[in-house]
Amino acid sequence: MTNKKDDLDLIKESAAKRILFLPHAVRQMSKPDRLITTKDIRHVVENGEIIEDYPEDARGHSCLVFGTTDRPIHVVCSPKQDYLAIITAYLPRRQDWENDYKTRKKS
């Protein structure tokens, strides 16, 4: 991955082929206080924006994508040649993020 626009294009291309939800993502999405759907994830990866990049991730180059449905959602994903791996998804907490949910608060 090179720049955010290219990275986002790669994410969309990978997602168009197939989206693979890793077990951790399924557990996080299924929490009663979250209930994030696969439709929500698809909407975020197709319409969201990259807010953090993790080139050294052990699972391969990944990034944090921010998007909104009826609420803000963060998706950590890793584009592969044949699919998009969804590593985790969660609802960002106000105490951790600025009001835009794109900028981490300084600790």
PDB file of N, CA and C in Angstrom:
ATOM      1  N   MET A   1       0.845  -1.171   0.000  1.00  0.00           N
ATOM      2  CA  MET A   1       0.000   0.000   0.000  1.00  0.00           C
ATOM      3  C   MET A   1       0.893   1.238   0.000  1.00  0.00           C
ATOM      4  N   THR A   2       0.429   2.262  -0.674  1.00  0.00           N
ATOM      5  CA  THR A   2       1.283   3.424  -0.857  1.00  0.00           C
ATOM      6  C   THR A   2       0.696   4.707  -0.283  1.00  0.00           C
ATOM      7  N   ASN A   3      -0.438   5.141  -0.780  1.00  0.00           N
ATOM      8  CA  ASN A   3      -1.059   6.320  -0.201  1.00  0.00           C
ATOM      9  C   ASN A   3      -2.521   6.006   0.109  1.00  0.00           C
ATOM     10  N   LYS A   4      -3.177   6.912   0.843  1.00  0.00           N
ATOM     11  CA  LYS A   4      -4.528   6.604   1.324  1.00  0.00           C
ATOM     12  C   LYS A   4      -5.522   6.344   0.200  1.00  0.00           C
ATOM     13  N   LYS A   5      -5.444   7.102  -0.890  1.00  0.00           N
ATOM     14  CA  LYS A   5      -6.379   6.885  -1.992  1.00  0.00           C
ATOM     15  C   LYS A   5      -6.130   5.524  -2.628  1.00  0.00           C
ATOM     16  N   ASP A   6      -4.870   5.205  -2.894  1.00  0.00           N
ATOM     17  CA  ASP A   6      -4.544   3.898  -3.471  1.00  0.00           C
ATOM     18  C   ASP A   6      -4.922   2.775  -2.509  1.00  0.00           C
ATOM     19  N   ASP A   7      -4.651   2.987  -1.224  1.00  0.00           N
ATOM     20  CA  ASP A   7      -4.984   1.979  -0.223  1.00  0.00           C
ATOM     21  C   ASP A   7      -6.491   1.747  -0.176  1.00  0.00           C
ATOM     22  N   LEU A   8      -7.261   2.825  -0.225  1.00  0.00           N
ATOM     23  CA  LEU A   8      -8.709   2.699  -0.188  1.00  0.00           C
ATOM     24  C   LEU A   8      -9.216   1.984  -1.441  1.00  0.00           C
ATOM     25  N   ASP A   9      -8.625   2.279  -2.586  1.00  0.00           N
ATOM     26  CA  ASP A   9      -8.994   1.573  -3.816  1.00  0.00           C
ATOM     27  C   ASP A   9      -8.701   0.080  -3.690  1.00  0.00           C
ATOM     28  N   LEU A  10      -7.551  -0.253  -3.113  1.00  0.00           N
ATOM     29  CA  LEU A  10      -7.183  -1.657  -2.918  1.00  0.00           C
ATOM     30  C   LEU A  10      -8.162  -2.350  -1.964  1.00  0.00           C
ATOM     31  N   ILE A  11      -8.558  -1.660  -0.914  1.00  0.00           N
ATOM     32  CA  ILE A  11      -9.543  -2.206   0.029  1.00  0.00           C
ATOM     33  C   ILE A  11     -10.852  -2.495  -0.699  1.00  0.00           C
ATOM     34  N   LYS A  12     -11.312  -1.551  -1.495  1.00  0.00           N
ATOM     35  CA  LYS A  12     -12.576  -1.714  -2.217  1.00  0.00           C
ATOM     36  C   LYS A  12     -12.487  -2.857  -3.231  1.00  0.00           C
ATOM     37  N   GLU A  13     -11.361  -2.947  -3.928  1.00  0.00           N
ATOM     38  CA  GLU A  13     -11.176  -4.030  -4.895  1.00  0.00           C
ATOM     39  C   GLU A  13     -11.187  -5.384  -4.199  1.00  0.00           C
ATOM     40  N   SER A  14     -10.486  -5.487  -3.076  1.00  0.00           N
ATOM     41  CA  SER A  14     -10.449  -6.743  -2.331  1.00  0.00           C
ATOM     42  C   SER A  14     -11.837  -7.101  -1.808  1.00  0.00           C
ATOM     43  N   ALA A  15     -12.554  -6.100  -1.278  1.00  0.00           N
ATOM     44  CA  ALA A  15     -13.896  -6.328  -0.735  1.00  0.00           C
ATOM     45  C   ALA A  15     -14.870  -6.763  -1.821  1.00  0.00           C
ATOM     46  N   ALA A  16     -14.695  -6.250  -3.037  1.00  0.00           N
ATOM     47  CA  ALA A  16     -15.585  -6.622  -4.140  1.00  0.00           C
ATOM     48  C   ALA A  16     -15.438  -8.108  -4.483  1.00  0.00           C
ATOM     49  N   LYS A  17     -14.260  -8.665  -4.241  1.00  0.00           N
ATOM     50  CA  LYS A  17     -14.042 -10.091  -4.506  1.00  0.00           C
ATOM     51  C   LYS A  17     -14.674 -10.943  -3.406  1.00  0.00           C
ATOM     52  N   ARG A  18     -14.334 -10.600  -2.161  1.00  0.00           N
ATOM     53  CA  ARG A  18     -14.825 -11.381  -1.023  1.00  0.00           C
ATOM     54  C   ARG A  18     -14.414 -10.687   0.264  1.00  0.00           C
ATOM     55  N   ILE A  19     -15.264 -10.767   1.270  1.00  0.00           N
ATOM     56  CA  ILE A  19     -14.905 -10.262   2.594  1.00  0.00           C
ATOM     57  C   ILE A  19     -14.840 -11.452   3.537  1.00  0.00           C
ATOM     58  N   LEU A  20     -13.694 -11.582   4.196  1.00  0.00           N
ATOM     59  CA  LEU A  20     -13.485 -12.665   5.155  1.00  0.00           C
ATOM     60  C   LEU A  20     -13.433 -12.065   6.553  1.00  0.00           C
ATOM     61  N   PHE A  21     -14.352 -12.497   7.402  1.00  0.00           N
ATOM     62  CA  PHE A  21     -14.416 -12.004   8.776  1.00  0.00           C
ATOM     63  C   PHE A  21     -13.615 -12.947   9.668  1.00  0.00           C
ATOM     64  N   LEU A  22     -12.522 -12.455  10.217  1.00  0.00           N
ATOM     65  CA  LEU A  22     -11.711 -13.273  11.112  1.00  0.00           C
ATOM     66  C   LEU A  22     -12.478 -13.493  12.422  1.00  0.00           C
ATOM     67  N   PRO A  23     -12.179 -14.573  13.141  1.00  0.00           N
ATOM     68  CA  PRO A  23     -12.934 -14.889  14.366  1.00  0.00           C
ATOM     69  C   PRO A  23     -13.003 -13.742  15.373  1.00  0.00           C
ATOM     70  N   HIS A  24     -11.914 -13.015  15.546  1.00  0.00           N
ATOM     71  CA  HIS A  24     -11.924 -11.882  16.482  1.00  0.00           C
ATOM     72  C   HIS A  24     -12.956 -10.839  16.051  1.00  0.00           C
ATOM     73  N   ALA A  25     -13.021 -10.566  14.761  1.00  0.00           N
ATOM     74  CA  ALA A  25     -13.986  -9.581  14.253  1.00  0.00           C
ATOM     75  C   ALA A  25     -15.410 -10.042  14.530  1.00  0.00           C
ATOM     76  N   VAL A  26     -15.691 -11.317  14.295  1.00  0.00           N
ATOM     77  CA  VAL A  26     -17.035 -11.845  14.533  1.00  0.00           C
ATOM     78  C   VAL A  26     -17.416 -11.698  16.006  1.00  0.00           C
ATOM     79  N   ARG A  27     -16.485 -12.015  16.904  1.00  0.00           N
ATOM     80  CA  ARG A  27     -16.751 -11.871  18.343  1.00  0.00           C
ATOM     81  C   ARG A  27     -17.030 -10.408  18.702  1.00  0.00           C
ATOM     82  N   GLN A  28     -16.223  -9.496  18.176  1.00  0.00           N
ATOM     83  CA  GLN A  28     -16.392  -8.080  18.501  1.00  0.00           C
ATOM     84  C   GLN A  28     -17.695  -7.526  17.914  1.00  0.00           C
ATOM     85  N   MET A  29     -18.009  -7.901  16.692  1.00  0.00           N
ATOM     86  CA  MET A  29     -19.225  -7.423  16.031  1.00  0.00           C
ATOM     87  C   MET A  29     -20.480  -7.940  16.725  1.00  0.00           C
ATOM     88  N   SER A  30     -20.393  -9.121  17.338  1.00  0.00           N
ATOM     89  CA  SER A  30     -21.555  -9.783  17.932  1.00  0.00           C
ATOM     90  C   SER A  30     -21.844  -9.352  19.361  1.00  0.00           C
ATOM     91  N   LYS A  31     -20.966  -8.556  19.946  1.00  0.00           N
ATOM     92  CA  LYS A  31     -21.210  -8.120  21.327  1.00  0.00           C
ATOM     93  C   LYS A  31     -22.546  -7.384  21.398  1.00  0.00           C
ATOM     94  N   PRO A  32     -23.345  -7.674  22.442  1.00  0.00           N
ATOM     95  CA  PRO A  32     -24.685  -7.074  22.543  1.00  0.00           C
ATOM     96  C   PRO A  32     -24.703  -5.549  22.489  1.00  0.00           C
ATOM     97  N   ASP A  33     -23.661  -4.906  22.972  1.00  0.00           N
ATOM     98  CA  ASP A  33     -23.640  -3.439  22.950  1.00  0.00           C
ATOM     99  C   ASP A  33     -23.158  -2.885  21.602  1.00  0.00           C
ATOM    100  N   ARG A  34     -22.822  -3.759  20.672  1.00  0.00           N
ATOM    101  CA  ARG A  34     -22.350  -3.322  19.350  1.00  0.00           C
ATOM    102  C   ARG A  34     -23.291  -3.745  18.234  1.00  0.00           C
ATOM    103  N   LEU A  35     -23.482  -5.052  18.096  1.00  0.00           N
ATOM    104  CA  LEU A  35     -24.321  -5.621  17.047  1.00  0.00           C
ATOM    105  C   LEU A  35     -24.065  -4.959  15.689  1.00  0.00           C
ATOM    106  N   ILE A  36     -22.824  -5.047  15.255  1.00  0.00           N
ATOM    107  CA  ILE A  36     -22.405  -4.506  13.960  1.00  0.00           C
ATOM    108  C   ILE A  36     -22.669  -5.583  12.911  1.00  0.00           C
ATOM    109  N   THR A  37     -23.387  -5.229  11.872  1.00  0.00           N
ATOM    110  CA  THR A  37     -23.770  -6.203  10.850  1.00  0.00           C
ATOM    111  C   THR A  37     -22.740  -6.270   9.719  1.00  0.00           C
ATOM    112  N   THR A  38     -22.814  -7.338   8.938  1.00  0.00           N
ATOM    113  CA  THR A  38     -21.942  -7.443   7.763  1.00  0.00           C
ATOM    114  C   THR A  38     -22.285  -6.335   6.766  1.00  0.00           C
ATOM    115  N   LYS A  39     -23.540  -5.933   6.722  1.00  0.00           N
ATOM    116  CA  LYS A  39     -23.949  -4.814   5.857  1.00  0.00           C
ATOM    117  C   LYS A  39     -23.268  -3.519   6.315  1.00  0.00           C
ATOM    118  N   ASP A  40     -23.195  -3.313   7.640  1.00  0.00           N
ATOM    119  CA  ASP A  40     -22.494  -2.141   8.182  1.00  0.00           C
ATOM    120  C   ASP A  40     -21.034  -2.142   7.732  1.00  0.00           C
ATOM    121  N   ILE A  41     -20.394  -3.301   7.842  1.00  0.00           N
ATOM    122  CA  ILE A  41     -18.973  -3.412   7.470  1.00  0.00           C
ATOM    123  C   ILE A  41     -18.792  -3.096   5.995  1.00  0.00           C
ATOM    124  N   ARG A  42     -19.615  -3.684   5.165  1.00  0.00           N
ATOM    125  CA  ARG A  42     -19.505  -3.425   3.723  1.00  0.00           C
ATOM    126  C   ARG A  42     -19.677  -1.935   3.435  1.00  0.00           C
ATOM    127  N   HIS A  43     -20.634  -1.285   4.085  1.00  0.00           N
ATOM    128  CA  HIS A  43     -20.858   0.149   3.879  1.00  0.00           C
ATOM    129  C   HIS A  43     -19.622   0.958   4.285  1.00  0.00           C
ATOM    130  N   VAL A  44     -19.027   0.619   5.425  1.00  0.00           N
ATOM    131  CA  VAL A  44     -17.843   1.345   5.903  1.00  0.00           C
ATOM    132  C   VAL A  44     -16.676   1.174   4.933  1.00  0.00           C
ATOM    133  N   VAL A  45     -16.398  -0.053   4.494  1.00  0.00           N
ATOM    134  CA  VAL A  45     -15.238  -0.245   3.608  1.00  0.00           C
ATOM    135  C   VAL A  45     -15.480   0.333   2.213  1.00  0.00           C
ATOM    136  N   GLU A  46     -16.730   0.429   1.801  1.00  0.00           N
ATOM    137  CA  GLU A  46     -17.016   1.000   0.483  1.00  0.00           C
ATOM    138  C   GLU A  46     -17.111   2.524   0.502  1.00  0.00           C
ATOM    139  N   ASN A  47     -17.437   3.113   1.656  1.00  0.00           N
ATOM    140  CA  ASN A  47     -17.692   4.557   1.712  1.00  0.00           C
ATOM    141  C   ASN A  47     -16.851   5.306   2.737  1.00  0.00           C
ATOM    142  N   GLY A  48     -16.068   4.581   3.526  1.00  0.00           N
ATOM    143  CA  GLY A  48     -15.318   5.215   4.607  1.00  0.00           C
ATOM    144  C   GLY A  48     -13.988   5.799   4.161  1.00  0.00           C
ATOM    145  N   GLU A  49     -13.203   6.166   5.155  1.00  0.00           N
ATOM    146  CA  GLU A  49     -11.880   6.715   4.885  1.00  0.00           C
ATOM    147  C   GLU A  49     -10.859   6.099   5.837  1.00  0.00           C
ATOM    148  N   ILE A  50      -9.652   5.967   5.347  1.00  0.00           N
ATOM    149  CA  ILE A  50      -8.567   5.427   6.162  1.00  0.00           C
ATOM    150  C   ILE A  50      -8.106   6.510   7.130  1.00  0.00           C
ATOM    151  N   ILE A  51      -8.058   6.155   8.420  1.00  0.00           N
ATOM    152  CA  ILE A  51      -7.613   7.141   9.409  1.00  0.00           C
ATOM    153  C   ILE A  51      -6.302   6.738  10.074  1.00  0.00           C
ATOM    154  N   GLU A  52      -5.925   5.470  10.000  1.00  0.00           N
ATOM    155  CA  GLU A  52      -4.626   5.016  10.505  1.00  0.00           C
ATOM    156  C   GLU A  52      -4.117   3.900   9.616  1.00  0.00           C
ATOM    157  N   ASP A  53      -2.802   3.812   9.521  1.00  0.00           N
ATOM    158  CA  ASP A  53      -2.144   2.819   8.678  1.00  0.00           C
ATOM    159  C   ASP A  53      -1.213   1.990   9.547  1.00  0.00           C
ATOM    160  N   TYR A  54      -1.234   0.673   9.363  1.00  0.00           N
ATOM    161  CA  TYR A  54      -0.400  -0.235  10.150  1.00  0.00           C
ATOM    162  C   TYR A  54       0.453  -1.109   9.219  1.00  0.00           C
ATOM    163  N   PRO A  55       1.508  -0.550   8.648  1.00  0.00           N
ATOM    164  CA  PRO A  55       2.309  -1.316   7.681  1.00  0.00           C
ATOM    165  C   PRO A  55       3.052  -2.499   8.283  1.00  0.00           C
ATOM    166  N   GLU A  56       3.289  -2.476   9.581  1.00  0.00           N
ATOM    167  CA  GLU A  56       4.056  -3.545  10.219  1.00  0.00           C
ATOM    168  C   GLU A  56       3.180  -4.580  10.921  1.00  0.00           C
ATOM    169  N   ASP A  57       1.888  -4.571  10.676  1.00  0.00           N
ATOM    170  CA  ASP A  57       0.968  -5.500  11.336  1.00  0.00           C
ATOM    171  C   ASP A  57       1.392  -6.946  11.070  1.00  0.00           C
ATOM    172  N   ALA A  58       1.352  -7.765  12.100  1.00  0.00           N
ATOM    173  CA  ALA A  58       1.760  -9.177  11.990  1.00  0.00           C
ATOM    174  C   ALA A  58       0.887  -9.945  10.989  1.00  0.00           C
ATOM    175  N   ARG A  59      -0.342  -9.505  10.791  1.00  0.00           N
ATOM    176  CA  ARG A  59      -1.256 -10.184   9.853  1.00  0.00           C
ATOM    177  C   ARG A  59      -1.081  -9.671   8.428  1.00  0.00           C
ATOM    178  N   GLY A  60      -0.135  -8.801   8.225  1.00  0.00           N
ATOM    179  CA  GLY A  60       0.044  -8.157   6.925  1.00  0.00           C
ATOM    180  C   GLY A  60      -0.411  -6.717   7.018  1.00  0.00           C
ATOM    181  N   HIS A  61      -0.002  -5.924   6.079  1.00  0.00           N
ATOM    182  CA  HIS A  61      -0.322  -4.496   6.075  1.00  0.00           C
ATOM    183  C   HIS A  61      -1.828  -4.318   6.261  1.00  0.00           C
ATOM    184  N   SER A  62      -2.192  -3.529   7.251  1.00  0.00           N
ATOM    185  CA  SER A  62      -3.606  -3.292   7.517  1.00  0.00           C
ATOM    186  C   SER A  62      -3.827  -1.813   7.809  1.00  0.00           C
ATOM    187  N   CYS A  63      -5.082  -1.444   7.953  1.00  0.00           N
ATOM    188  CA  CYS A  63      -5.400  -0.064   8.256  1.00  0.00           C
ATOM    189  C   CYS A  63      -6.734   0.026   8.985  1.00  0.00           C
ATOM    190  N   LEU A  64      -6.945   1.173   9.588  1.00  0.00           N
ATOM    191  CA  LEU A  64      -8.177   1.466  10.311  1.00  0.00           C
ATOM    192  C   LEU A  64      -9.037   2.362   9.424  1.00  0.00           C
ATOM    193  N   VAL A  65     -10.238   1.906   9.146  1.00  0.00           N
ATOM    194  CA  VAL A  65     -11.165   2.646   8.295  1.00  0.00           C
ATOM    195  C   VAL A  65     -12.300   3.167   9.166  1.00  0.00           C
ATOM    196  N   PHE A  66     -12.616   4.443   8.993  1.00  0.00           N
ATOM    197  CA  PHE A  66     -13.728   5.073   9.700  1.00  0.00           C
ATOM    198  C   PHE A  66     -14.879   5.278   8.734  1.00  0.00           C
ATOM    199  N   GLY A  67     -16.066   4.968   9.201  1.00  0.00           N
ATOM    200  CA  GLY A  67     -17.255   5.231   8.414  1.00  0.00           C
ATOM    201  C   GLY A  67     -18.455   5.353   9.325  1.00  0.00           C
ATOM    202  N   THR A  68     -19.568   5.766   8.751  1.00  0.00           N
ATOM    203  CA  THR A  68     -20.783   5.886   9.542  1.00  0.00           C
ATOM    204  C   THR A  68     -21.932   5.185   8.842  1.00  0.00           C
ATOM    205  N   THR A  69     -22.784   4.627   9.649  1.00  0.00           N
ATOM    206  CA  THR A  69     -24.080   4.131   9.191  1.00  0.00           C
ATOM    207  C   THR A  69     -25.055   5.034   9.942  1.00  0.00           C
ATOM    208  N   ASP A  70     -25.753   4.497  10.920  1.00  0.00           N
ATOM    209  CA  ASP A  70     -26.521   5.358  11.818  1.00  0.00           C
ATOM    210  C   ASP A  70     -25.672   5.719  13.033  1.00  0.00           C
ATOM    211  N   ARG A  71     -24.415   5.260  13.021  1.00  0.00           N
ATOM    212  CA  ARG A  71     -23.462   5.518  14.114  1.00  0.00           C
ATOM    213  C   ARG A  71     -22.051   5.384  13.548  1.00  0.00           C
ATOM    214  N   PRO A  72     -21.060   5.965  14.216  1.00  0.00           N
ATOM    215  CA  PRO A  72     -19.680   5.821  13.739  1.00  0.00           C
ATOM    216  C   PRO A  72     -19.175   4.400  13.998  1.00  0.00           C
ATOM    217  N   ILE A  73     -18.412   3.868  13.033  1.00  0.00           N
ATOM    218  CA  ILE A  73     -17.849   2.522  13.147  1.00  0.00           C
ATOM    219  C   ILE A  73     -16.403   2.564  12.685  1.00  0.00           C
ATOM    220  N   HIS A  74     -15.545   1.835  13.398  1.00  0.00           N
ATOM    221  CA  HIS A  74     -14.156   1.627  12.998  1.00  0.00           C
ATOM    222  C   HIS A  74     -13.988   0.182  12.565  1.00  0.00           C
ATOM    223  N   VAL A  75     -13.284  -0.021  11.454  1.00  0.00           N
ATOM    224  CA  VAL A  75     -13.011  -1.352  10.928  1.00  0.00           C
ATOM    225  C   VAL A  75     -11.511  -1.451  10.671  1.00  0.00           C
ATOM    226  N   VAL A  76     -10.872  -2.453  11.261  1.00  0.00           N
ATOM    227  CA  VAL A  76      -9.473  -2.734  10.953  1.00  0.00           C
ATOM    228  C   VAL A  76      -9.491  -3.863   9.927  1.00  0.00           C
ATOM    229  N   CYS A  77      -8.862  -3.616   8.783  1.00  0.00           N
ATOM    230  CA  CYS A  77      -8.896  -4.592   7.701  1.00  0.00           C
ATOM    231  C   CYS A  77      -7.543  -4.689   7.014  1.00  0.00           C
ATOM    232  N   SER A  78      -7.382  -5.790   6.302  1.00  0.00           N
ATOM    233  CA  SER A  78      -6.150  -6.049   5.574  1.00  0.00           C
ATOM    234  C   SER A  78      -6.498  -6.583   4.196  1.00  0.00           C
ATOM    235  N   PRO A  79      -6.231  -5.802   3.146  1.00  0.00           N
ATOM    236  CA  PRO A  79      -6.543  -6.280   1.797  1.00  0.00           C
ATOM    237  C   PRO A  79      -5.551  -7.345   1.339  1.00  0.00           C
ATOM    238  N   LYS A  80      -6.086  -8.418   0.812  1.00  0.00           N
ATOM    239  CA  LYS A  80      -5.296  -9.506   0.244  1.00  0.00           C
ATOM    240  C   LYS A  80      -5.633  -9.579  -1.239  1.00  0.00           C
ATOM    241  N   GLN A  81      -4.939 -10.419  -1.968  1.00  0.00           N
ATOM    242  CA  GLN A  81      -5.168 -10.503  -3.409  1.00  0.00           C
ATOM    243  C   GLN A  81      -6.588 -10.967  -3.736  1.00  0.00           C
ATOM    244  N   ASP A  82      -7.101 -11.934  -2.980  1.00  0.00           N
ATOM    245  CA  ASP A  82      -8.397 -12.522  -3.302  1.00  0.00           C
ATOM    246  C   ASP A  82      -9.534 -12.151  -2.363  1.00  0.00           C
ATOM    247  N   TYR A  83      -9.242 -11.382  -1.322  1.00  0.00           N
ATOM    248  CA  TYR A  83     -10.285 -11.033  -0.353  1.00  0.00           C
ATOM    249  C   TYR A  83      -9.821  -9.887   0.541  1.00  0.00           C
ATOM    250  N   LEU A  84     -10.773  -9.340   1.282  1.00  0.00           N
ATOM    251  CA  LEU A  84     -10.473  -8.342   2.303  1.00  0.00           C
ATOM    252  C   LEU A  84     -10.672  -9.013   3.652  1.00  0.00           C
ATOM    253  N   ALA A  85      -9.619  -9.068   4.456  1.00  0.00           N
ATOM    254  CA  ALA A  85      -9.712  -9.641   5.794  1.00  0.00           C
ATOM    255  C   ALA A  85     -10.181  -8.569   6.765  1.00  0.00           C
ATOM    256  N   ILE A  86     -11.270  -8.843   7.459  1.00  0.00           N
ATOM    257  CA  ILE A  86     -11.758  -7.942   8.505  1.00  0.00           C
ATOM    258  C   ILE A  86     -11.182  -8.463   9.816  1.00  0.00           C
ATOM    259  N   ILE A  87     -10.284  -7.690  10.395  1.00  0.00           N
ATOM    260  CA  ILE A  87      -9.570  -8.103  11.607  1.00  0.00           C
ATOM    261  C   ILE A  87     -10.415  -7.816  12.840  1.00  0.00           C
ATOM    262  N   THR A  88     -10.999  -6.637  12.893  1.00  0.00           N
ATOM    263  CA  THR A  88     -11.908  -6.291  13.987  1.00  0.00           C
ATOM    264  C   THR A  88     -12.781  -5.126  13.555  1.00  0.00           C
ATOM    265  N   ALA A  89     -13.844  -4.926  14.310  1.00  0.00           N
ATOM    266  CA  ALA A  89     -14.737  -3.790  14.093  1.00  0.00           C
ATOM    267  C   ALA A  89     -15.310  -3.408  15.447  1.00  0.00           C
ATOM    268  N   TYR A  90     -15.460  -2.112  15.646  1.00  0.00           N
ATOM    269  CA  TYR A  90     -15.966  -1.645  16.933  1.00  0.00           C
ATOM    270  C   TYR A  90     -16.569  -0.252  16.792  1.00  0.00           C
ATOM    271  N   LEU A  91     -17.285   0.148  17.830  1.00  0.00           N
ATOM    272  CA  LEU A  91     -17.831   1.502  17.913  1.00  0.00           C
ATOM    273  C   LEU A  91     -16.821   2.338  18.689  1.00  0.00           C
ATOM    274  N   PRO A  92     -16.266   3.373  18.077  1.00  0.00           N
ATOM    275  CA  PRO A  92     -15.263   4.174  18.782  1.00  0.00           C
ATOM    276  C   PRO A  92     -15.866   4.866  19.999  1.00  0.00           C
ATOM    277  N   ARG A  93     -15.105   4.910  21.078  1.00  0.00           N
ATOM    278  CA  ARG A  93     -15.573   5.525  22.324  1.00  0.00           C
ATOM    279  C   ARG A  93     -15.121   6.985  22.390  1.00  0.00           C
ATOM    280  N   ARG A  94     -16.035   7.846  22.844  1.00  0.00           N
ATOM    281  CA  ARG A  94     -15.725   9.285  22.949  1.00  0.00           C
ATOM    282  C   ARG A  94     -14.521   9.571  23.813  1.00  0.00           C
ATOM    283  N   GLN A  95     -14.303   8.769  24.854  1.00  0.00           N
ATOM    284  CA  GLN A  95     -13.160   9.037  25.727  1.00  0.00           C
ATOM    285  C   GLN A  95     -11.823   8.739  25.042  1.00  0.00           C
ATOM    286  N   ASP A  96     -11.842   7.986  23.934  1.00  0.00           N
ATOM    287  CA  ASP A  96     -10.617   7.647  23.217  1.00  0.00           C
ATOM    288  C   ASP A  96     -10.399   8.474  21.953  1.00  0.00           C
ATOM    289  N   TRP A  97     -11.472   9.057  21.417  1.00  0.00           N
ATOM    290  CA  TRP A  97     -11.413   9.733  20.121  1.00  0.00           C
ATOM    291  C   TRP A  97     -11.968  11.146  20.229  1.00  0.00           C
ATOM    292  N   GLU A  98     -11.432  12.028  19.390  1.00  0.00           N
ATOM    293  CA  GLU A  98     -11.973  13.388  19.286  1.00  0.00           C
ATOM    294  C   GLU A  98     -13.390  13.295  18.715  1.00  0.00           C
ATOM    295  N   ASN A  99     -14.108  14.399  18.692  1.00  0.00           N
ATOM    296  CA  ASN A  99     -15.502  14.409  18.248  1.00  0.00           C
ATOM    297  C   ASN A  99     -15.706  13.907  16.822  1.00  0.00           C
ATOM    298  N   ASP A 100     -14.669  13.984  15.989  1.00  0.00           N
ATOM    299  CA  ASP A 100     -14.791  13.506  14.613  1.00  0.00           C
ATOM    300  C   ASP A 100     -14.620  11.987  14.502  1.00  0.00           C
ATOM    301  N   TYR A 101     -14.228  11.348  15.604  1.00  0.00           N
ATOM    302  CA  TYR A 101     -13.961   9.907  15.669  1.00  0.00           C
ATOM    303  C   TYR A 101     -12.847   9.468  14.728  1.00  0.00           C
ATOM    304  N   LYS A 102     -12.055  10.417  14.254  1.00  0.00           N
ATOM    305  CA  LYS A 102     -10.958  10.121  13.334  1.00  0.00           C
ATOM    306  C   LYS A 102      -9.604  10.368  13.975  1.00  0.00           C
ATOM    307  N   THR A 103      -9.586  11.121  15.056  1.00  0.00           N
ATOM    308  CA  THR A 103      -8.322  11.511  15.696  1.00  0.00           C
ATOM    309  C   THR A 103      -8.306  10.979  17.114  1.00  0.00           C
ATOM    310  N   ARG A 104      -7.261  10.195  17.430  1.00  0.00           N
ATOM    311  CA  ARG A 104      -7.140   9.681  18.786  1.00  0.00           C
ATOM    312  C   ARG A 104      -6.838  10.828  19.743  1.00  0.00           C
ATOM    313  N   LYS A 105      -7.452  10.757  20.908  1.00  0.00           N
ATOM    314  CA  LYS A 105      -7.139  11.751  21.933  1.00  0.00           C
ATOM    315  C   LYS A 105      -5.750  11.469  22.483  1.00  0.00           C
ATOM    316  N   LYS A 106      -5.041  12.514  22.808  1.00  0.00           N
ATOM    317  CA  LYS A 106      -3.709  12.368  23.402  1.00  0.00           C
ATOM    318  C   LYS A 106      -3.876  11.881  24.842  1.00  0.00           C
ATOM    319  N   SER A 107      -3.046  10.900  25.240  1.00  0.00           N
ATOM    320  CA  SER A 107      -3.186  10.373  26.611  1.00  0.00           C
ATOM    321  C   SER A 107      -2.429  11.193  27.609  1.00  0.00           C
TER     322      SER A 107
END
